[in-house]
Amino acid sequence: MRAALPFVLCIPSFASSARQYRGLERRLAGRAQVVAADLYGHGDRGPWHGARRFTLADEAAFFEALLPEEPPVHLVGHSYGGAVALRIAATNPARVRSLALYEPAIWGTLAELCRAEPPTLEIEAVRDDTLRLLEAGDDAAAAERFIDYWAGEGGWAATPQERRPRLRAAVRSLRDGWPASFAERWTPAALGSLDIPCLLVTGTRSTRAARRAVALLRGLLRDVQVVELDGLGHLGPITHPERVDAVLEAFLLQHARRTAEYAYKDALFP
């Protein structure tokens, strides 16, 4: 009997959509089952309508429902999606075989463990500015502040007019996304207990907050490797998907093969 293909669940970044993983899906065609879905308030998915305050666990719950019982799964996440992937791995340690994260948005942990450091103050200022603008009803200015921080000054001005309505709608979800990401606070012990191979990818031109988050995780995760891509920023998976996807492909196939070898040995020696 042919073994089932490895299952790869991909979680996009804020203000993006599941479409950002189409290239990775093509690369892994025939070698893995790749599934990607939109975040709340993004792409074709509506916003959160719960009666209580939104949490990262609520975001994760939707993606957890996509996980099959078999075979073991591999998680890919970018920025906010990386933080969601970490939450899924923590609650499903027996099912998750590897994590591949591009600059996960662990802002609450950064605020807790790197309090008052310049990178932390930087991301807190972006949060405060965008929430203030959204509260004032100026979602265009909120989108400009958010996009320009991640893409660089002028990023919003360079955005085609036809793409702006979707981005403005996604940025409105920051009313839930910012509080949820800042409320998620990992302890060093909790991060150190994650016994799951993790790839951290970062760009040399990314923001200080994103790079500080990667450095923090590098020092706390048990089984971690870091790949730094020259010239890329926080939006590297979107602006340079070929370079990022090549790194993800190599890591995922390496750990998919390792999982298959373990399964074969278990079948021989139950």
C-alpha atoms as a PDB file:
ATOM      1  CA  MET A   1       0.000   0.000   0.000  1.00  0.00           C
ATOM      2  CA  ARG A   2       1.329   3.411  -0.955  1.00  0.00           C
ATOM      3  CA  ALA A   3       1.918   5.726   2.011  1.00  0.00           C
ATOM      4  CA  ALA A   4      -0.209   8.855   2.209  1.00  0.00           C
ATOM      5  CA  LEU A   5       1.472  12.063   1.142  1.00  0.00           C
ATOM      6  CA  PRO A   6       2.774  14.333   3.909  1.00  0.00           C
ATOM      7  CA  PHE A   7       0.232  16.996   4.845  1.00  0.00           C
ATOM      8  CA  VAL A   8       1.487  20.608   4.801  1.00  0.00           C
ATOM      9  CA  LEU A   9      -0.786  23.269   6.288  1.00  0.00           C
ATOM     10  CA  CYS A  10       0.113  26.831   5.276  1.00  0.00           C
ATOM     11  CA  ILE A  11      -1.032  29.939   7.153  1.00  0.00           C
ATOM     12  CA  PRO A  12      -0.591  33.334   5.452  1.00  0.00           C
ATOM     13  CA  SER A  13       0.400  36.674   6.898  1.00  0.00           C
ATOM     14  CA  PHE A  14      -1.907  39.518   7.818  1.00  0.00           C
ATOM     15  CA  ALA A  15      -3.099  41.517   4.764  1.00  0.00           C
ATOM     16  CA  SER A  16      -2.297  38.539   2.518  1.00  0.00           C
ATOM     17  CA  SER A  17      -4.261  35.438   1.537  1.00  0.00           C
ATOM     18  CA  ALA A  18      -3.884  31.730   0.941  1.00  0.00           C
ATOM     19  CA  ARG A  19      -2.830  32.563  -2.618  1.00  0.00           C
ATOM     20  CA  GLN A  20       0.656  33.402  -1.366  1.00  0.00           C
ATOM     21  CA  TYR A  21       1.334  29.651  -1.144  1.00  0.00           C
ATOM     22  CA  ARG A  22       0.467  28.719  -4.724  1.00  0.00           C
ATOM     23  CA  GLY A  23       4.137  28.560  -5.680  1.00  0.00           C
ATOM     24  CA  LEU A  24       4.979  26.233  -2.802  1.00  0.00           C
ATOM     25  CA  GLU A  25       2.027  24.050  -3.728  1.00  0.00           C
ATOM     26  CA  ARG A  26       3.380  23.729  -7.276  1.00  0.00           C
ATOM     27  CA  ARG A  27       6.847  22.883  -5.992  1.00  0.00           C
ATOM     28  CA  LEU A  28       5.535  20.111  -3.754  1.00  0.00           C
ATOM     29  CA  ALA A  29       3.000  18.707  -6.217  1.00  0.00           C
ATOM     30  CA  GLY A  30       3.019  14.918  -6.102  1.00  0.00           C
ATOM     31  CA  ARG A  31       5.247  14.891  -3.010  1.00  0.00           C
ATOM     32  CA  ALA A  32       3.009  16.510  -0.404  1.00  0.00           C
ATOM     33  CA  GLN A  33      -0.584  17.543   0.095  1.00  0.00           C
ATOM     34  CA  VAL A  34      -0.493  21.312   0.551  1.00  0.00           C
ATOM     35  CA  VAL A  35      -3.491  23.077   2.073  1.00  0.00           C
ATOM     36  CA  ALA A  36      -3.702  26.839   2.632  1.00  0.00           C
ATOM     37  CA  ALA A  37      -6.602  28.903   3.940  1.00  0.00           C
ATOM     38  CA  ASP A  38      -7.373  32.542   4.661  1.00  0.00           C
ATOM     39  CA  LEU A  39      -7.296  34.255   8.031  1.00  0.00           C
ATOM     40  CA  TYR A  40     -10.432  35.832   9.477  1.00  0.00           C
ATOM     41  CA  GLY A  41     -11.305  38.962   7.516  1.00  0.00           C
ATOM     42  CA  HIS A  42      -8.972  38.086   4.633  1.00  0.00           C
ATOM     43  CA  GLY A  43      -9.422  36.815   1.107  1.00  0.00           C
ATOM     44  CA  ASP A  44     -12.771  35.060   0.790  1.00  0.00           C
ATOM     45  CA  ARG A  45     -13.245  34.610   4.536  1.00  0.00           C
ATOM     46  CA  GLY A  46     -15.407  36.888   6.657  1.00  0.00           C
ATOM     47  CA  PRO A  47     -14.330  38.672   9.843  1.00  0.00           C
ATOM     48  CA  TRP A  48     -14.634  37.310  13.360  1.00  0.00           C
ATOM     49  CA  HIS A  49     -18.151  37.698  14.775  1.00  0.00           C
ATOM     50  CA  GLY A  50     -17.757  36.091  18.177  1.00  0.00           C
ATOM     51  CA  ALA A  51     -19.399  37.657  21.216  1.00  0.00           C
ATOM     52  CA  ARG A  52     -16.206  37.587  23.275  1.00  0.00           C
ATOM     53  CA  ARG A  53     -12.753  38.987  22.732  1.00  0.00           C
ATOM     54  CA  PHE A  54     -10.880  37.349  19.872  1.00  0.00           C
ATOM     55  CA  THR A  55      -7.760  35.300  20.686  1.00  0.00           C
ATOM     56  CA  LEU A  56      -5.004  33.631  18.749  1.00  0.00           C
ATOM     57  CA  ALA A  57      -6.517  30.319  19.841  1.00  0.00           C
ATOM     58  CA  ASP A  58      -9.692  31.280  17.950  1.00  0.00           C
ATOM     59  CA  GLU A  59      -7.651  31.869  14.809  1.00  0.00           C
ATOM     60  CA  ALA A  60      -5.796  28.611  15.340  1.00  0.00           C
ATOM     61  CA  ALA A  61      -9.004  26.621  15.902  1.00  0.00           C
ATOM     62  CA  PHE A  62     -10.127  27.168  12.317  1.00  0.00           C
ATOM     63  CA  PHE A  63      -6.850  25.825  10.949  1.00  0.00           C
ATOM     64  CA  GLU A  64      -6.742  22.961  13.439  1.00  0.00           C
ATOM     65  CA  ALA A  65     -10.040  21.762  12.018  1.00  0.00           C
ATOM     66  CA  LEU A  66      -8.282  21.306   8.662  1.00  0.00           C
ATOM     67  CA  LEU A  67      -5.726  18.874  10.079  1.00  0.00           C
ATOM     68  CA  PRO A  68      -6.209  15.225   9.155  1.00  0.00           C
ATOM     69  CA  GLU A  69      -5.909  12.477  11.723  1.00  0.00           C
ATOM     70  CA  GLU A  70      -3.262  10.865   9.522  1.00  0.00           C
ATOM     71  CA  PRO A  71      -0.589  11.344   8.287  1.00  0.00           C
ATOM     72  CA  PRO A  72       1.569  13.596  10.506  1.00  0.00           C
ATOM     73  CA  VAL A  73       1.454  17.247   9.535  1.00  0.00           C
ATOM     74  CA  HIS A  74       3.957  19.965   8.799  1.00  0.00           C
ATOM     75  CA  LEU A  75       3.111  23.627   9.446  1.00  0.00           C
ATOM     76  CA  VAL A  76       4.190  26.673   7.454  1.00  0.00           C
ATOM     77  CA  GLY A  77       3.445  30.203   8.637  1.00  0.00           C
ATOM     78  CA  HIS A  78       4.378  33.758   7.737  1.00  0.00           C
ATOM     79  CA  SER A  79       4.320  36.634  10.270  1.00  0.00           C
ATOM     80  CA  TYR A  80       0.946  36.497  12.081  1.00  0.00           C
ATOM     81  CA  GLY A  81       0.430  33.115  10.421  1.00  0.00           C
ATOM     82  CA  GLY A  82       3.684  31.967  12.008  1.00  0.00           C
ATOM     83  CA  ALA A  83       2.364  32.858  15.447  1.00  0.00           C
ATOM     84  CA  VAL A  84      -0.799  30.886  14.685  1.00  0.00           C
ATOM     85  CA  ALA A  85       1.327  27.914  13.588  1.00  0.00           C
ATOM     86  CA  LEU A  86       3.230  28.011  16.881  1.00  0.00           C
ATOM     87  CA  ARG A  87      -0.065  27.911  18.780  1.00  0.00           C
ATOM     88  CA  ILE A  88      -1.255  24.900  16.729  1.00  0.00           C
ATOM     89  CA  ALA A  89       2.025  23.072  17.325  1.00  0.00           C
ATOM     90  CA  ALA A  90       1.768  23.648  21.082  1.00  0.00           C
ATOM     91  CA  THR A  91      -1.721  22.146  21.253  1.00  0.00           C
ATOM     92  CA  ASN A  92      -1.028  19.288  18.822  1.00  0.00           C
ATOM     93  CA  PRO A  93       2.537  18.142  19.611  1.00  0.00           C
ATOM     94  CA  ALA A  94       1.894  14.503  18.721  1.00  0.00           C
ATOM     95  CA  ARG A  95       0.626  15.388  15.247  1.00  0.00           C
ATOM     96  CA  VAL A  96       2.986  18.179  14.163  1.00  0.00           C
ATOM     97  CA  ARG A  97       6.307  16.925  12.799  1.00  0.00           C
ATOM     98  CA  SER A  98       7.915  20.217  11.754  1.00  0.00           C
ATOM     99  CA  LEU A  99       7.476  23.992  11.722  1.00  0.00           C
ATOM    100  CA  ALA A 100       8.676  26.345   8.978  1.00  0.00           C
ATOM    101  CA  LEU A 101       8.171  29.980   9.966  1.00  0.00           C
ATOM    102  CA  TYR A 102       9.044  33.230   8.229  1.00  0.00           C
ATOM    103  CA  GLU A 103       9.473  35.890  10.932  1.00  0.00           C
ATOM    104  CA  PRO A 104       6.598  34.828  13.209  1.00  0.00           C
ATOM    105  CA  ALA A 105       4.720  37.717  14.842  1.00  0.00           C
ATOM    106  CA  ILE A 106       5.270  36.848  18.506  1.00  0.00           C
ATOM    107  CA  TRP A 107       4.648  40.438  19.600  1.00  0.00           C
ATOM    108  CA  GLY A 108       3.227  39.623  23.019  1.00  0.00           C
ATOM    109  CA  THR A 109       6.271  37.517  23.843  1.00  0.00           C
ATOM    110  CA  LEU A 110       8.549  40.273  22.580  1.00  0.00           C
ATOM    111  CA  ALA A 111       6.734  42.783  24.796  1.00  0.00           C
ATOM    112  CA  GLU A 112       7.086  40.483  27.792  1.00  0.00           C
ATOM    113  CA  LEU A 113      10.669  39.291  27.411  1.00  0.00           C
ATOM    114  CA  CYS A 114      12.203  42.298  25.617  1.00  0.00           C
ATOM    115  CA  ARG A 115      10.293  45.065  27.324  1.00  0.00           C
ATOM    116  CA  ALA A 116      11.219  48.644  26.351  1.00  0.00           C
ATOM    117  CA  GLU A 117      13.807  47.501  23.810  1.00  0.00           C
ATOM    118  CA  PRO A 118      13.780  49.607  20.605  1.00  0.00           C
ATOM    119  CA  PRO A 119      12.335  46.788  18.430  1.00  0.00           C
ATOM    120  CA  THR A 120       9.521  46.258  20.931  1.00  0.00           C
ATOM    121  CA  LEU A 121       8.743  49.962  21.146  1.00  0.00           C
ATOM    122  CA  GLU A 122       8.737  50.069  17.355  1.00  0.00           C
ATOM    123  CA  ILE A 123       6.076  47.376  16.897  1.00  0.00           C
ATOM    124  CA  GLU A 124       4.014  48.787  19.777  1.00  0.00           C
ATOM    125  CA  ALA A 125       3.998  52.169  18.022  1.00  0.00           C
ATOM    126  CA  VAL A 126       2.728  50.592  14.784  1.00  0.00           C
ATOM    127  CA  ARG A 127      -0.001  48.830  16.760  1.00  0.00           C
ATOM    128  CA  ASP A 128      -1.040  51.994  18.573  1.00  0.00           C
ATOM    129  CA  ASP A 129      -1.043  54.135  15.428  1.00  0.00           C
ATOM    130  CA  THR A 130      -3.101  51.719  13.332  1.00  0.00           C
ATOM    131  CA  LEU A 131      -5.641  51.113  16.096  1.00  0.00           C
ATOM    132  CA  ARG A 132      -6.008  54.857  16.682  1.00  0.00           C
ATOM    133  CA  LEU A 133      -6.608  55.476  12.981  1.00  0.00           C
ATOM    134  CA  LEU A 134      -9.117  52.628  12.771  1.00  0.00           C
ATOM    135  CA  GLU A 135     -10.940  53.985  15.805  1.00  0.00           C
ATOM    136  CA  ALA A 136     -11.156  57.336  14.014  1.00  0.00           C
ATOM    137  CA  GLY A 137     -12.666  55.616  10.974  1.00  0.00           C
ATOM    138  CA  ASP A 138      -9.675  56.305   8.724  1.00  0.00           C
ATOM    139  CA  ASP A 139      -8.951  52.809   7.455  1.00  0.00           C
ATOM    140  CA  ALA A 140      -7.016  54.174   4.452  1.00  0.00           C
ATOM    141  CA  ALA A 141      -4.517  55.909   6.736  1.00  0.00           C
ATOM    142  CA  ALA A 142      -4.363  52.800   8.934  1.00  0.00           C
ATOM    143  CA  ALA A 143      -3.584  50.697   5.882  1.00  0.00           C
ATOM    144  CA  GLU A 144      -0.882  53.142   4.809  1.00  0.00           C
ATOM    145  CA  ARG A 145       0.770  53.062   8.235  1.00  0.00           C
ATOM    146  CA  PHE A 146       0.638  49.264   8.348  1.00  0.00           C
ATOM    147  CA  ILE A 147       1.796  48.604   4.794  1.00  0.00           C
ATOM    148  CA  ASP A 148       4.540  51.234   4.865  1.00  0.00           C
ATOM    149  CA  TYR A 149       5.980  49.735   8.044  1.00  0.00           C
ATOM    150  CA  TRP A 150       6.270  46.261   6.561  1.00  0.00           C
ATOM    151  CA  ALA A 151       6.947  47.087   2.908  1.00  0.00           C
ATOM    152  CA  GLY A 152       8.937  50.291   3.429  1.00  0.00           C
ATOM    153  CA  GLU A 153       7.990  53.928   3.007  1.00  0.00           C
ATOM    154  CA  GLY A 154       5.910  54.402  -0.112  1.00  0.00           C
ATOM    155  CA  GLY A 155       4.603  50.842  -0.082  1.00  0.00           C
ATOM    156  CA  TRP A 156       0.995  51.939   0.155  1.00  0.00           C
ATOM    157  CA  ALA A 157       1.425  54.643  -2.494  1.00  0.00           C
ATOM    158  CA  ALA A 158       2.812  51.991  -4.854  1.00  0.00           C
ATOM    159  CA  THR A 159      -0.105  49.632  -4.225  1.00  0.00           C
ATOM    160  CA  PRO A 160      -2.382  49.403  -7.297  1.00  0.00           C
ATOM    161  CA  GLN A 161      -5.784  51.006  -6.768  1.00  0.00           C
ATOM    162  CA  GLU A 162      -7.613  47.771  -7.523  1.00  0.00           C
ATOM    163  CA  ARG A 163      -5.869  46.001  -4.620  1.00  0.00           C
ATOM    164  CA  ARG A 164      -6.508  48.694  -2.026  1.00  0.00           C
ATOM    165  CA  PRO A 165     -10.113  47.818  -1.060  1.00  0.00           C
ATOM    166  CA  ARG A 166      -9.120  44.269  -0.085  1.00  0.00           C
ATOM    167  CA  LEU A 167      -6.134  45.530   1.884  1.00  0.00           C
ATOM    168  CA  ARG A 168      -8.242  48.098   3.694  1.00  0.00           C
ATOM    169  CA  ALA A 169     -10.748  45.380   4.595  1.00  0.00           C
ATOM    170  CA  ALA A 170      -7.943  43.150   5.889  1.00  0.00           C
ATOM    171  CA  VAL A 171      -6.418  45.966   7.935  1.00  0.00           C
ATOM    172  CA  ARG A 172      -9.774  46.514   9.643  1.00  0.00           C
ATOM    173  CA  SER A 173      -9.249  43.050  11.145  1.00  0.00           C
ATOM    174  CA  LEU A 174      -6.324  44.514  13.105  1.00  0.00           C
ATOM    175  CA  ARG A 175      -8.906  45.546  15.700  1.00  0.00           C
ATOM    176  CA  ASP A 176      -8.896  41.865  16.619  1.00  0.00           C
ATOM    177  CA  GLY A 177      -5.468  40.832  15.337  1.00  0.00           C
ATOM    178  CA  TRP A 178      -3.300  43.263  17.283  1.00  0.00           C
ATOM    179  CA  PRO A 179      -4.833  42.513  20.717  1.00  0.00           C
ATOM    180  CA  ALA A 180      -4.767  38.775  20.001  1.00  0.00           C
ATOM    181  CA  SER A 181      -1.104  38.729  18.978  1.00  0.00           C
ATOM    182  CA  PHE A 182      -0.019  40.885  21.924  1.00  0.00           C
ATOM    183  CA  ALA A 183      -2.062  38.818  24.396  1.00  0.00           C
ATOM    184  CA  GLU A 184      -0.251  35.628  23.303  1.00  0.00           C
ATOM    185  CA  ARG A 185       2.785  35.516  25.613  1.00  0.00           C
ATOM    186  CA  TRP A 186       5.086  32.525  25.587  1.00  0.00           C
ATOM    187  CA  THR A 187       7.357  31.834  28.525  1.00  0.00           C
ATOM    188  CA  PRO A 188      10.932  30.677  27.892  1.00  0.00           C
ATOM    189  CA  ALA A 189      10.040  27.326  29.471  1.00  0.00           C
ATOM    190  CA  ALA A 190       7.036  26.839  27.173  1.00  0.00           C
ATOM    191  CA  LEU A 191       9.061  27.610  24.062  1.00  0.00           C
ATOM    192  CA  GLY A 192      11.878  25.342  25.234  1.00  0.00           C
ATOM    193  CA  SER A 193       9.437  22.482  25.718  1.00  0.00           C
ATOM    194  CA  LEU A 194       8.404  22.473  22.042  1.00  0.00           C
ATOM    195  CA  ASP A 195      10.288  19.406  20.866  1.00  0.00           C
ATOM    196  CA  ILE A 196       9.521  19.964  17.181  1.00  0.00           C
ATOM    197  CA  PRO A 197      12.096  20.741  14.473  1.00  0.00           C
ATOM    198  CA  CYS A 198      11.675  24.394  13.503  1.00  0.00           C
ATOM    199  CA  LEU A 199      13.011  26.382  10.570  1.00  0.00           C
ATOM    200  CA  LEU A 200      13.123  30.139  11.078  1.00  0.00           C
ATOM    201  CA  VAL A 201      13.558  32.240   7.938  1.00  0.00           C
ATOM    202  CA  THR A 202      14.387  35.932   8.087  1.00  0.00           C
ATOM    203  CA  GLY A 203      15.459  38.679   5.705  1.00  0.00           C
ATOM    204  CA  THR A 204      18.415  41.007   6.170  1.00  0.00           C
ATOM    205  CA  ARG A 205      16.262  44.032   5.268  1.00  0.00           C
ATOM    206  CA  SER A 206      13.368  43.245   7.569  1.00  0.00           C
ATOM    207  CA  THR A 207      12.141  45.414  10.426  1.00  0.00           C
ATOM    208  CA  ARG A 208      13.898  45.451  13.769  1.00  0.00           C
ATOM    209  CA  ALA A 209      10.881  43.942  15.500  1.00  0.00           C
ATOM    210  CA  ALA A 210      10.680  40.975  13.125  1.00  0.00           C
ATOM    211  CA  ARG A 211      14.399  40.249  13.334  1.00  0.00           C
ATOM    212  CA  ARG A 212      14.373  40.565  17.124  1.00  0.00           C
ATOM    213  CA  ALA A 213      11.533  38.045  17.304  1.00  0.00           C
ATOM    214  CA  VAL A 214      13.566  35.571  15.244  1.00  0.00           C
ATOM    215  CA  ALA A 215      16.632  36.093  17.434  1.00  0.00           C
ATOM    216  CA  LEU A 216      14.530  35.512  20.542  1.00  0.00           C
ATOM    217  CA  LEU A 217      13.081  32.267  19.215  1.00  0.00           C
ATOM    218  CA  ARG A 218      16.500  31.131  18.040  1.00  0.00           C
ATOM    219  CA  GLY A 219      17.743  31.278  21.604  1.00  0.00           C
ATOM    220  CA  LEU A 220      14.728  29.598  23.192  1.00  0.00           C
ATOM    221  CA  LEU A 221      13.516  26.838  20.872  1.00  0.00           C
ATOM    222  CA  ARG A 222      15.038  23.417  21.389  1.00  0.00           C
ATOM    223  CA  ASP A 223      15.455  22.207  17.783  1.00  0.00           C
ATOM    224  CA  VAL A 224      15.862  25.203  15.506  1.00  0.00           C
ATOM    225  CA  GLN A 225      17.756  26.283  12.423  1.00  0.00           C
ATOM    226  CA  VAL A 226      17.814  29.796  10.991  1.00  0.00           C
ATOM    227  CA  VAL A 227      18.138  30.788   7.352  1.00  0.00           C
ATOM    228  CA  GLU A 228      18.835  34.442   6.595  1.00  0.00           C
ATOM    229  CA  LEU A 229      18.019  35.622   3.078  1.00  0.00           C
ATOM    230  CA  ASP A 230      20.062  38.572   1.870  1.00  0.00           C
ATOM    231  CA  GLY A 231      18.124  41.589   0.661  1.00  0.00           C
ATOM    232  CA  LEU A 232      14.673  40.372   1.692  1.00  0.00           C
ATOM    233  CA  GLY A 233      12.272  42.133   4.038  1.00  0.00           C
ATOM    234  CA  HIS A 234       9.342  40.980   6.140  1.00  0.00           C
ATOM    235  CA  LEU A 235       7.225  40.515   3.018  1.00  0.00           C
ATOM    236  CA  GLY A 236       9.819  38.228   1.446  1.00  0.00           C
ATOM    237  CA  PRO A 237       7.388  35.314   0.914  1.00  0.00           C
ATOM    238  CA  ILE A 238       5.213  37.677  -1.143  1.00  0.00           C
ATOM    239  CA  THR A 239       7.843  39.794  -2.927  1.00  0.00           C
ATOM    240  CA  HIS A 240      10.368  36.986  -3.546  1.00  0.00           C
ATOM    241  CA  PRO A 241       8.382  33.741  -3.316  1.00  0.00           C
ATOM    242  CA  GLU A 242      10.833  31.702  -5.401  1.00  0.00           C
ATOM    243  CA  ARG A 243      13.705  32.267  -2.966  1.00  0.00           C
ATOM    244  CA  VAL A 244      11.617  31.637   0.135  1.00  0.00           C
ATOM    245  CA  ASP A 245       9.759  28.652  -1.310  1.00  0.00           C
ATOM    246  CA  ALA A 246      13.035  26.959  -2.261  1.00  0.00           C
ATOM    247  CA  VAL A 247      14.141  27.084   1.385  1.00  0.00           C
ATOM    248  CA  LEU A 248      10.754  25.848   2.603  1.00  0.00           C
ATOM    249  CA  GLU A 249      10.709  23.036   0.053  1.00  0.00           C
ATOM    250  CA  ALA A 250      14.103  21.687   1.109  1.00  0.00           C
ATOM    251  CA  PHE A 251      13.199  21.765   4.806  1.00  0.00           C
ATOM    252  CA  LEU A 252       9.761  20.203   4.358  1.00  0.00           C
ATOM    253  CA  LEU A 253      10.990  17.376   2.167  1.00  0.00           C
ATOM    254  CA  GLN A 254      13.849  16.644   4.562  1.00  0.00           C
ATOM    255  CA  HIS A 255      11.457  16.232   7.475  1.00  0.00           C
ATOM    256  CA  ALA A 256       8.814  14.447   5.429  1.00  0.00           C
ATOM    257  CA  ARG A 257      11.435  11.832   4.527  1.00  0.00           C
ATOM    258  CA  ARG A 258      12.494  11.565   8.155  1.00  0.00           C
ATOM    259  CA  THR A 259       8.873  11.015   9.218  1.00  0.00           C
ATOM    260  CA  ALA A 260       8.447   8.342   6.542  1.00  0.00           C
ATOM    261  CA  GLU A 261      11.595   6.550   7.747  1.00  0.00           C
ATOM    262  CA  TYR A 262      10.288   6.519  11.324  1.00  0.00           C
ATOM    263  CA  ALA A 263       6.943   5.135  10.155  1.00  0.00           C
ATOM    264  CA  TYR A 264       8.692   2.388   8.176  1.00  0.00           C
ATOM    265  CA  LYS A 265      10.802   1.387  11.179  1.00  0.00           C
ATOM    266  CA  ASP A 266       7.716   1.363  13.405  1.00  0.00           C
ATOM    267  CA  ALA A 267       6.001  -0.954  10.945  1.00  0.00           C
ATOM    268  CA  LEU A 268       8.965  -3.320  10.945  1.00  0.00           C
ATOM    269  CA  PHE A 269       9.525  -3.204  14.698  1.00  0.00           C
ATOM    270  CA  PRO A 270       6.188  -2.419  16.379  1.00  0.00           C
END
